[in-house]
Amino acid sequence: MLKEVLNDALNNLHAESGALTSSAIVSIDGLPIVSVLERNIDSDRVGSLSAALLSCSGRPPACSLRQFQSNDFARPAG
């Protein structure tokens, strides 16, 4: 159910954007949840790269699943 909603969101994003060619939603650990990628792009590699970039940044992700579920996207203070 959730994967279908997320996949629909990515497909809508692609449909409304003329320039977007690939997108993915990955877990903090780099596991692909859903993706809309060009044929030559491996979702596992995208996930691994995303996790590596997050790790190097030293910062937690900006939005958590709890924020998505509650629609609470207010910027944290500080």
N, C-alpha and C. Protein backbone atom coordinates (compact mmCIF):
# COMPACT_ATOMS: atom_id res chain seq x y z
N MET A 1 0.82 -1.19 0.00
CA MET A 1 0.00 0.00 0.00
C MET A 1 0.86 1.26 0.00
N LEU A 2 1.77 1.37 0.99
CA LEU A 2 2.63 2.55 1.06
C LEU A 2 3.54 2.63 -0.16
N LYS A 3 4.07 1.49 -0.59
CA LYS A 3 4.94 1.49 -1.78
C LYS A 3 4.18 1.97 -3.01
N GLU A 4 2.93 1.57 -3.13
CA GLU A 4 2.12 2.02 -4.26
C GLU A 4 1.91 3.53 -4.23
N VAL A 5 1.65 4.07 -3.06
CA VAL A 5 1.46 5.52 -2.91
C VAL A 5 2.75 6.26 -3.27
N LEU A 6 3.88 5.76 -2.77
CA LEU A 6 5.16 6.40 -3.06
C LEU A 6 5.51 6.29 -4.53
N ASN A 7 5.24 5.13 -5.12
CA ASN A 7 5.52 4.95 -6.54
C ASN A 7 4.65 5.88 -7.39
N ASP A 8 3.38 6.01 -7.02
CA ASP A 8 2.50 6.95 -7.72
C ASP A 8 3.01 8.38 -7.60
N ALA A 9 3.52 8.73 -6.43
CA ALA A 9 4.05 10.08 -6.22
C ALA A 9 5.26 10.33 -7.13
N LEU A 10 6.14 9.34 -7.24
CA LEU A 10 7.30 9.51 -8.13
C LEU A 10 6.86 9.59 -9.59
N ASN A 11 5.92 8.76 -9.98
CA ASN A 11 5.43 8.81 -11.36
C ASN A 11 4.77 10.15 -11.67
N ASN A 12 4.00 10.69 -10.73
CA ASN A 12 3.39 12.01 -10.92
C ASN A 12 4.45 13.09 -11.01
N LEU A 13 5.49 12.98 -10.19
CA LEU A 13 6.59 13.93 -10.24
C LEU A 13 7.25 13.93 -11.61
N HIS A 14 7.46 12.75 -12.15
CA HIS A 14 8.06 12.64 -13.49
C HIS A 14 7.13 13.19 -14.56
N ALA A 15 5.84 12.92 -14.41
CA ALA A 15 4.88 13.39 -15.41
C ALA A 15 4.80 14.91 -15.44
N GLU A 16 4.93 15.54 -14.27
CA GLU A 16 4.82 17.00 -14.19
C GLU A 16 6.13 17.72 -14.47
N SER A 17 7.23 17.00 -14.45
CA SER A 17 8.52 17.61 -14.70
C SER A 17 9.04 17.17 -16.06
N GLY A 18 9.35 18.13 -16.87
CA GLY A 18 9.87 17.78 -18.19
C GLY A 18 11.32 17.34 -18.19
N ALA A 19 12.06 17.69 -17.14
CA ALA A 19 13.49 17.42 -17.13
C ALA A 19 13.90 16.25 -16.24
N LEU A 20 13.02 15.78 -15.40
CA LEU A 20 13.36 14.71 -14.46
C LEU A 20 13.42 13.38 -15.20
N THR A 21 14.54 12.67 -15.05
CA THR A 21 14.70 11.38 -15.74
C THR A 21 14.73 10.20 -14.78
N SER A 22 15.15 10.40 -13.55
CA SER A 22 15.24 9.31 -12.58
C SER A 22 15.02 9.86 -11.18
N SER A 23 14.42 9.02 -10.33
CA SER A 23 14.24 9.41 -8.94
C SER A 23 14.09 8.13 -8.11
N ALA A 24 14.36 8.26 -6.82
CA ALA A 24 14.25 7.10 -5.93
C ALA A 24 13.99 7.58 -4.51
N ILE A 25 13.32 6.74 -3.76
CA ILE A 25 13.16 6.92 -2.32
C ILE A 25 13.87 5.75 -1.68
N VAL A 26 14.86 6.06 -0.85
CA VAL A 26 15.66 5.00 -0.23
C VAL A 26 15.63 5.17 1.29
N SER A 27 15.87 4.07 1.99
CA SER A 27 15.91 4.12 3.45
C SER A 27 17.22 4.77 3.89
N ILE A 28 17.32 5.07 5.17
CA ILE A 28 18.55 5.65 5.72
C ILE A 28 19.73 4.70 5.51
N ASP A 29 19.43 3.41 5.50
CA ASP A 29 20.47 2.40 5.30
C ASP A 29 20.81 2.18 3.84
N GLY A 30 20.14 2.88 2.95
CA GLY A 30 20.43 2.77 1.53
C GLY A 30 19.63 1.71 0.80
N LEU A 31 18.61 1.17 1.43
CA LEU A 31 17.78 0.17 0.75
C LEU A 31 16.73 0.87 -0.11
N PRO A 32 16.68 0.55 -1.39
CA PRO A 32 15.67 1.18 -2.25
C PRO A 32 14.27 0.78 -1.82
N ILE A 33 13.40 1.77 -1.66
CA ILE A 33 12.00 1.51 -1.31
C ILE A 33 11.19 1.52 -2.59
N VAL A 34 11.25 2.59 -3.34
CA VAL A 34 10.65 2.68 -4.68
C VAL A 34 11.56 3.52 -5.55
N SER A 35 11.50 3.29 -6.85
CA SER A 35 12.31 4.10 -7.75
C SER A 35 11.70 4.13 -9.14
N VAL A 36 11.98 5.20 -9.83
CA VAL A 36 11.66 5.35 -11.24
C VAL A 36 12.97 5.77 -11.88
N LEU A 37 13.66 4.78 -12.44
CA LEU A 37 15.01 5.00 -12.94
C LEU A 37 15.11 4.65 -14.41
N GLU A 38 16.08 5.28 -15.08
CA GLU A 38 16.36 4.88 -16.45
C GLU A 38 16.87 3.45 -16.44
N ARG A 39 16.76 2.78 -17.57
CA ARG A 39 17.11 1.36 -17.63
C ARG A 39 18.54 1.05 -17.23
N ASN A 40 19.45 1.96 -17.47
CA ASN A 40 20.86 1.69 -17.19
C ASN A 40 21.28 2.08 -15.77
N ILE A 41 20.35 2.44 -14.91
CA ILE A 41 20.67 2.84 -13.54
C ILE A 41 20.19 1.76 -12.59
N ASP A 42 21.09 1.30 -11.74
CA ASP A 42 20.80 0.23 -10.78
C ASP A 42 20.31 0.84 -9.46
N SER A 43 19.12 0.44 -9.02
CA SER A 43 18.53 1.02 -7.80
C SER A 43 19.37 0.71 -6.56
N ASP A 44 20.04 -0.45 -6.54
CA ASP A 44 20.90 -0.77 -5.39
C ASP A 44 22.08 0.18 -5.30
N ARG A 45 22.63 0.56 -6.44
CA ARG A 45 23.74 1.52 -6.43
C ARG A 45 23.29 2.91 -6.01
N VAL A 46 22.11 3.29 -6.47
CA VAL A 46 21.55 4.59 -6.06
C VAL A 46 21.36 4.60 -4.55
N GLY A 47 20.82 3.52 -4.00
CA GLY A 47 20.63 3.42 -2.56
C GLY A 47 21.94 3.48 -1.80
N SER A 48 22.94 2.74 -2.28
CA SER A 48 24.25 2.74 -1.63
C SER A 48 24.88 4.12 -1.64
N LEU A 49 24.80 4.78 -2.77
CA LEU A 49 25.36 6.12 -2.88
C LEU A 49 24.62 7.09 -1.97
N SER A 50 23.32 6.98 -1.89
CA SER A 50 22.53 7.85 -1.00
C SER A 50 22.93 7.66 0.45
N ALA A 51 23.09 6.40 0.87
CA ALA A 51 23.50 6.12 2.25
C ALA A 51 24.90 6.66 2.52
N ALA A 52 25.80 6.52 1.55
CA ALA A 52 27.16 7.02 1.73
C ALA A 52 27.17 8.54 1.86
N LEU A 53 26.39 9.22 1.04
CA LEU A 53 26.32 10.68 1.11
C LEU A 53 25.73 11.14 2.44
N LEU A 54 24.70 10.46 2.89
CA LEU A 54 24.10 10.80 4.18
C LEU A 54 25.10 10.58 5.30
N SER A 55 25.84 9.49 5.23
CA SER A 55 26.84 9.18 6.24
C SER A 55 27.94 10.25 6.28
N CYS A 56 28.38 10.68 5.12
CA CYS A 56 29.44 11.69 5.04
C CYS A 56 28.98 13.05 5.53
N SER A 57 27.69 13.31 5.42
CA SER A 57 27.18 14.62 5.82
C SER A 57 27.16 14.79 7.33
N GLY A 58 27.09 13.68 8.06
CA GLY A 58 27.07 13.76 9.51
C GLY A 58 25.79 14.34 10.07
N ARG A 59 24.75 14.43 9.24
CA ARG A 59 23.48 15.00 9.67
C ARG A 59 22.39 13.97 9.48
N PRO A 60 21.38 14.00 10.35
CA PRO A 60 20.24 13.10 10.16
C PRO A 60 19.43 13.56 8.96
N PRO A 61 18.63 12.68 8.39
CA PRO A 61 17.80 13.09 7.25
C PRO A 61 16.83 14.19 7.65
N ALA A 62 16.52 15.07 6.72
CA ALA A 62 15.68 16.23 7.01
C ALA A 62 14.25 15.83 7.35
N CYS A 63 13.74 14.81 6.71
CA CYS A 63 12.35 14.40 6.94
C CYS A 63 12.32 12.94 7.37
N SER A 64 11.60 12.66 8.41
CA SER A 64 11.45 11.29 8.86
C SER A 64 10.11 10.74 8.41
N LEU A 65 9.98 9.43 8.46
CA LEU A 65 8.71 8.80 8.10
C LEU A 65 7.58 9.32 8.98
N ARG A 66 7.89 9.57 10.26
CA ARG A 66 6.88 10.09 11.17
C ARG A 66 6.38 11.46 10.69
N GLN A 67 7.29 12.30 10.17
CA GLN A 67 6.87 13.60 9.65
C GLN A 67 5.96 13.42 8.44
N PHE A 68 6.30 12.46 7.56
CA PHE A 68 5.46 12.22 6.39
C PHE A 68 4.08 11.75 6.81
N GLN A 69 4.02 10.86 7.78
CA GLN A 69 2.74 10.32 8.21
C GLN A 69 1.87 11.38 8.88
N SER A 70 2.48 12.33 9.57
CA SER A 70 1.70 13.35 10.26
C SER A 70 1.59 14.65 9.45
N ASN A 71 2.21 14.67 8.27
CA ASN A 71 2.24 15.88 7.43
C ASN A 71 2.84 17.07 8.16
N ASP A 72 3.80 16.82 9.04
CA ASP A 72 4.46 17.86 9.80
C ASP A 72 5.83 18.15 9.20
N PHE A 73 5.89 19.18 8.35
CA PHE A 73 7.13 19.50 7.68
C PHE A 73 7.70 20.86 8.13
N ALA A 74 7.35 21.27 9.33
CA ALA A 74 7.90 22.52 9.86
C ALA A 74 9.40 22.34 10.05
N ARG A 75 10.13 23.38 9.73
CA ARG A 75 11.58 23.33 9.89
C ARG A 75 11.92 23.32 11.39
N PRO A 76 12.78 22.39 11.82
CA PRO A 76 13.13 22.35 13.24
C PRO A 76 13.89 23.61 13.67
N ALA A 77 13.66 24.05 14.88
CA ALA A 77 14.35 25.24 15.40
C ALA A 77 15.80 24.92 15.64
N GLY A 78 16.65 25.92 15.45
CA GLY A 78 18.06 25.76 15.77
C GLY A 78 18.84 25.48 14.59
